[in-house]
């Protein structure tokens, strides 16, 4: 639902069971490093880069920046996920 954000991997909700809870995104205007830094200022900790999957990020045309990695697991509450989405939207509205 965020036009400037691309989720890499399965996005079809009907196939959600095929996904792992790690989500990688890119933003149209923000580099993964910039986005990770802005989110960390808001208390949301993510990673940026290629996560030792250089061949993959090269094949996807995402080097040298890579992607932003978000780790969601069983102990993340729905309100935390909602906050994450709000913060990505908030950062995305500001200028890099």
N, C-alpha and C. Protein backbone atom coordinates (compact mmCIF):
# COMPACT_ATOMS: atom_id res chain seq x y z
N UNK A 1 0.82 -1.21 0.00
CA UNK A 1 0.00 0.00 0.00
C UNK A 1 0.85 1.26 0.00
N UNK A 2 2.18 1.13 0.09
CA UNK A 2 3.07 2.29 0.06
C UNK A 2 3.72 2.34 -1.32
N UNK A 3 3.36 3.31 -2.15
CA UNK A 3 3.84 3.33 -3.53
C UNK A 3 5.36 3.41 -3.67
N UNK A 4 6.06 4.01 -2.73
CA UNK A 4 7.52 4.14 -2.83
C UNK A 4 8.27 2.94 -2.27
N UNK A 5 7.55 1.98 -1.69
CA UNK A 5 8.19 0.83 -1.04
C UNK A 5 7.95 -0.43 -1.86
N UNK A 6 9.02 -1.16 -2.07
CA UNK A 6 8.89 -2.46 -2.74
C UNK A 6 9.29 -3.55 -1.75
N UNK A 7 8.41 -4.53 -1.58
CA UNK A 7 8.72 -5.71 -0.77
C UNK A 7 9.28 -6.75 -1.72
N UNK A 8 10.46 -7.28 -1.38
CA UNK A 8 11.09 -8.30 -2.22
C UNK A 8 10.67 -9.67 -1.72
N UNK A 9 10.21 -10.49 -2.62
CA UNK A 9 9.75 -11.83 -2.26
C UNK A 9 8.25 -11.94 -2.42
N UNK A 10 7.68 -12.92 -1.79
CA UNK A 10 6.25 -13.19 -1.90
C UNK A 10 5.45 -12.08 -1.23
N UNK A 11 4.51 -11.51 -1.97
CA UNK A 11 3.65 -10.46 -1.42
C UNK A 11 2.17 -10.82 -1.46
N UNK A 12 1.84 -11.91 -2.11
CA UNK A 12 0.46 -12.37 -2.20
C UNK A 12 0.02 -12.90 -0.83
N UNK A 13 -0.96 -12.26 -0.22
CA UNK A 13 -1.42 -12.68 1.12
C UNK A 13 -1.85 -14.13 1.16
N UNK A 14 -2.36 -14.64 0.06
CA UNK A 14 -2.77 -16.03 -0.01
C UNK A 14 -1.60 -17.00 0.07
N UNK A 15 -0.39 -16.49 -0.13
CA UNK A 15 0.81 -17.33 -0.05
C UNK A 15 1.67 -16.99 1.17
N UNK A 16 1.10 -16.29 2.11
CA UNK A 16 1.86 -15.84 3.28
C UNK A 16 2.53 -16.99 4.04
N UNK A 17 1.93 -18.15 4.05
CA UNK A 17 2.50 -19.30 4.76
C UNK A 17 3.82 -19.76 4.12
N UNK A 18 4.08 -19.34 2.89
CA UNK A 18 5.32 -19.70 2.20
C UNK A 18 6.47 -18.76 2.54
N UNK A 19 6.19 -17.67 3.20
CA UNK A 19 7.21 -16.68 3.55
C UNK A 19 7.86 -17.01 4.88
N UNK A 20 9.08 -16.55 5.04
CA UNK A 20 9.67 -16.52 6.38
C UNK A 20 9.38 -15.12 6.92
N UNK A 21 9.53 -14.89 8.22
CA UNK A 21 9.16 -13.59 8.78
C UNK A 21 10.18 -12.47 8.53
N UNK A 22 11.24 -12.77 7.80
CA UNK A 22 12.19 -11.72 7.44
C UNK A 22 11.71 -11.06 6.16
N UNK A 23 11.60 -9.74 6.20
CA UNK A 23 11.10 -9.00 5.05
C UNK A 23 12.18 -8.04 4.58
N UNK A 24 12.43 -8.03 3.29
CA UNK A 24 13.38 -7.10 2.70
C UNK A 24 12.63 -6.12 1.82
N UNK A 25 12.96 -4.83 2.00
CA UNK A 25 12.30 -3.78 1.22
C UNK A 25 13.33 -2.84 0.64
N UNK A 26 12.92 -2.12 -0.37
CA UNK A 26 13.66 -0.98 -0.88
C UNK A 26 12.67 0.17 -0.99
N UNK A 27 13.20 1.38 -0.98
CA UNK A 27 12.40 2.59 -1.06
C UNK A 27 12.85 3.37 -2.29
N UNK A 28 11.93 4.00 -2.97
CA UNK A 28 12.23 4.72 -4.20
C UNK A 28 13.20 5.90 -3.99
N UNK A 29 13.14 6.56 -2.84
CA UNK A 29 13.97 7.75 -2.62
C UNK A 29 15.04 7.57 -1.54
N UNK A 30 14.85 6.67 -0.63
CA UNK A 30 15.78 6.47 0.47
C UNK A 30 16.63 5.24 0.21
N UNK A 31 17.93 5.32 0.47
CA UNK A 31 18.75 4.12 0.39
C UNK A 31 18.44 3.25 1.61
N UNK A 32 18.73 1.97 1.55
CA UNK A 32 18.50 1.13 2.72
C UNK A 32 19.24 1.64 3.96
N UNK A 33 20.46 2.14 3.78
CA UNK A 33 21.21 2.66 4.93
C UNK A 33 20.53 3.89 5.52
N UNK A 34 20.05 4.79 4.68
CA UNK A 34 19.36 5.99 5.17
C UNK A 34 18.09 5.60 5.91
N UNK A 35 17.34 4.69 5.35
CA UNK A 35 16.10 4.25 5.97
C UNK A 35 16.37 3.57 7.31
N UNK A 36 17.38 2.71 7.36
CA UNK A 36 17.73 2.05 8.62
C UNK A 36 18.12 3.07 9.68
N UNK A 37 18.88 4.08 9.29
CA UNK A 37 19.29 5.11 10.25
C UNK A 37 18.10 5.89 10.77
N UNK A 38 17.20 6.31 9.89
CA UNK A 38 16.03 7.07 10.33
C UNK A 38 15.12 6.22 11.22
N UNK A 39 14.95 4.96 10.87
CA UNK A 39 14.11 4.09 11.71
C UNK A 39 14.75 3.88 13.08
N UNK A 40 16.08 3.76 13.12
CA UNK A 40 16.75 3.55 14.41
C UNK A 40 16.56 4.76 15.32
N UNK A 41 16.51 5.96 14.72
CA UNK A 41 16.25 7.17 15.50
C UNK A 41 14.86 7.12 16.15
N UNK A 42 13.99 6.30 15.61
CA UNK A 42 12.63 6.15 16.13
C UNK A 42 12.48 4.87 16.96
N UNK A 43 13.61 4.21 17.25
CA UNK A 43 13.59 3.02 18.08
C UNK A 43 13.22 1.74 17.37
N UNK A 44 13.34 1.73 16.04
CA UNK A 44 13.06 0.53 15.25
C UNK A 44 14.38 0.11 14.61
N UNK A 45 14.81 -1.10 14.93
CA UNK A 45 16.13 -1.54 14.53
C UNK A 45 16.05 -2.56 13.39
N UNK A 46 16.66 -2.19 12.29
CA UNK A 46 16.66 -3.00 11.07
C UNK A 46 18.11 -3.12 10.61
N UNK A 47 18.32 -3.82 9.51
CA UNK A 47 19.65 -3.98 8.94
C UNK A 47 19.59 -3.59 7.48
N UNK A 48 20.73 -3.17 6.95
CA UNK A 48 20.77 -2.85 5.53
C UNK A 48 21.98 -3.53 4.91
N UNK A 49 21.91 -3.74 3.62
CA UNK A 49 23.01 -4.37 2.91
C UNK A 49 22.55 -5.57 2.12
N UNK A 50 23.45 -6.57 2.01
CA UNK A 50 23.09 -7.76 1.22
C UNK A 50 23.01 -9.02 2.07
N UNK A 51 23.26 -8.92 3.37
CA UNK A 51 23.10 -10.03 4.32
C UNK A 51 23.83 -11.29 3.88
N UNK A 52 25.01 -11.12 3.31
CA UNK A 52 25.85 -12.23 2.82
C UNK A 52 25.21 -12.95 1.64
N UNK A 53 24.27 -12.29 0.97
CA UNK A 53 23.64 -12.86 -0.23
C UNK A 53 23.97 -11.98 -1.43
N UNK A 54 25.26 -11.71 -1.59
CA UNK A 54 25.72 -10.80 -2.63
C UNK A 54 25.26 -11.24 -4.02
N UNK A 55 25.36 -12.52 -4.33
CA UNK A 55 24.94 -12.99 -5.66
C UNK A 55 23.47 -12.67 -5.91
N UNK A 56 22.64 -12.80 -4.89
CA UNK A 56 21.22 -12.50 -5.03
C UNK A 56 20.99 -11.01 -5.28
N UNK A 57 21.58 -10.16 -4.44
CA UNK A 57 21.35 -8.73 -4.59
C UNK A 57 21.95 -8.21 -5.89
N UNK A 58 23.04 -8.82 -6.35
CA UNK A 58 23.58 -8.45 -7.66
C UNK A 58 22.60 -8.85 -8.75
N UNK A 59 22.06 -10.07 -8.68
CA UNK A 59 21.11 -10.55 -9.69
C UNK A 59 19.84 -9.70 -9.72
N UNK A 60 19.45 -9.16 -8.56
CA UNK A 60 18.27 -8.30 -8.49
C UNK A 60 18.57 -6.86 -8.87
N UNK A 61 19.85 -6.56 -9.12
CA UNK A 61 20.25 -5.20 -9.48
C UNK A 61 20.22 -4.24 -8.31
N UNK A 62 20.44 -4.73 -7.10
CA UNK A 62 20.33 -3.90 -5.90
C UNK A 62 21.67 -3.49 -5.30
N UNK A 63 22.75 -3.85 -5.92
CA UNK A 63 24.04 -3.43 -5.39
C UNK A 63 24.40 -2.06 -5.96
N UNK A 64 25.09 -1.23 -5.22
CA UNK A 64 25.80 -1.54 -3.98
C UNK A 64 25.00 -1.33 -2.70
N UNK A 65 23.77 -0.82 -2.79
CA UNK A 65 23.02 -0.50 -1.57
C UNK A 65 22.40 -1.71 -0.89
N UNK A 66 21.94 -2.68 -1.65
CA UNK A 66 21.26 -3.83 -1.05
C UNK A 66 19.83 -3.51 -0.71
N UNK A 67 19.35 -4.05 0.39
CA UNK A 67 17.96 -3.89 0.82
C UNK A 67 17.92 -3.58 2.31
N UNK A 68 16.76 -3.19 2.77
CA UNK A 68 16.52 -3.02 4.21
C UNK A 68 15.88 -4.32 4.70
N UNK A 69 16.44 -4.87 5.75
CA UNK A 69 15.95 -6.14 6.29
C UNK A 69 15.20 -5.89 7.59
N UNK A 70 13.99 -6.41 7.65
CA UNK A 70 13.13 -6.28 8.83
C UNK A 70 12.85 -7.68 9.34
N UNK A 71 13.21 -7.92 10.59
CA UNK A 71 12.98 -9.24 11.18
C UNK A 71 11.75 -9.23 12.07
N UNK A 72 10.70 -9.88 11.63
CA UNK A 72 9.48 -10.01 12.42
C UNK A 72 9.33 -11.47 12.81
N UNK A 73 9.07 -11.72 14.06
CA UNK A 73 8.91 -13.10 14.52
C UNK A 73 7.72 -13.22 15.46
N UNK A 74 7.57 -14.39 16.04
CA UNK A 74 6.40 -14.70 16.85
C UNK A 74 6.19 -13.76 18.04
N UNK A 75 7.23 -13.11 18.53
CA UNK A 75 7.04 -12.25 19.70
C UNK A 75 6.71 -10.80 19.33
N UNK A 76 6.66 -10.47 18.04
CA UNK A 76 6.22 -9.13 17.65
C UNK A 76 4.70 -9.07 17.70
N UNK A 77 4.22 -8.07 18.43
CA UNK A 77 2.77 -7.89 18.57
C UNK A 77 2.22 -7.12 17.35
N UNK A 78 0.95 -7.26 17.06
CA UNK A 78 0.35 -6.52 15.93
C UNK A 78 0.55 -5.01 16.04
N UNK A 79 0.47 -4.46 17.27
CA UNK A 79 0.67 -3.01 17.41
C UNK A 79 2.09 -2.60 17.06
N UNK A 80 3.07 -3.48 17.27
CA UNK A 80 4.45 -3.18 16.89
C UNK A 80 4.59 -3.17 15.37
N UNK A 81 3.92 -4.09 14.71
CA UNK A 81 3.95 -4.12 13.25
C UNK A 81 3.26 -2.88 12.70
N UNK A 82 2.15 -2.49 13.28
CA UNK A 82 1.47 -1.27 12.86
C UNK A 82 2.38 -0.05 13.03
N UNK A 83 3.10 0.01 14.13
CA UNK A 83 4.03 1.11 14.37
C UNK A 83 5.14 1.12 13.32
N UNK A 84 5.68 -0.04 13.01
CA UNK A 84 6.70 -0.14 11.98
C UNK A 84 6.20 0.44 10.66
N UNK A 85 5.02 0.06 10.25
CA UNK A 85 4.44 0.56 9.00
C UNK A 85 4.26 2.07 9.06
N UNK A 86 3.74 2.58 10.18
CA UNK A 86 3.57 4.04 10.33
C UNK A 86 4.90 4.76 10.23
N UNK A 87 5.94 4.22 10.85
CA UNK A 87 7.24 4.88 10.83
C UNK A 87 7.86 4.84 9.43
N UNK A 88 7.72 3.75 8.72
CA UNK A 88 8.22 3.70 7.34
C UNK A 88 7.49 4.74 6.50
N UNK A 89 6.18 4.83 6.68
CA UNK A 89 5.41 5.84 5.94
C UNK A 89 5.88 7.24 6.31
N UNK A 90 6.11 7.50 7.59
CA UNK A 90 6.53 8.81 8.06
C UNK A 90 7.90 9.20 7.48
N UNK A 91 8.84 8.28 7.55
CA UNK A 91 10.17 8.55 6.98
C UNK A 91 10.04 8.79 5.48
N UNK A 92 9.23 7.98 4.83
CA UNK A 92 9.08 8.08 3.38
C UNK A 92 8.52 9.43 2.92
N UNK A 93 7.72 10.06 3.77
CA UNK A 93 7.14 11.37 3.41
C UNK A 93 8.15 12.50 3.52
N UNK A 94 9.21 12.30 4.27
CA UNK A 94 10.22 13.35 4.43
C UNK A 94 11.27 13.24 3.32
N UNK A 95 12.06 14.27 3.17
CA UNK A 95 13.10 14.27 2.13
C UNK A 95 14.33 13.56 2.63
N UNK A 96 14.96 12.76 1.78
CA UNK A 96 16.22 12.08 2.20
C UNK A 96 17.34 13.07 2.46
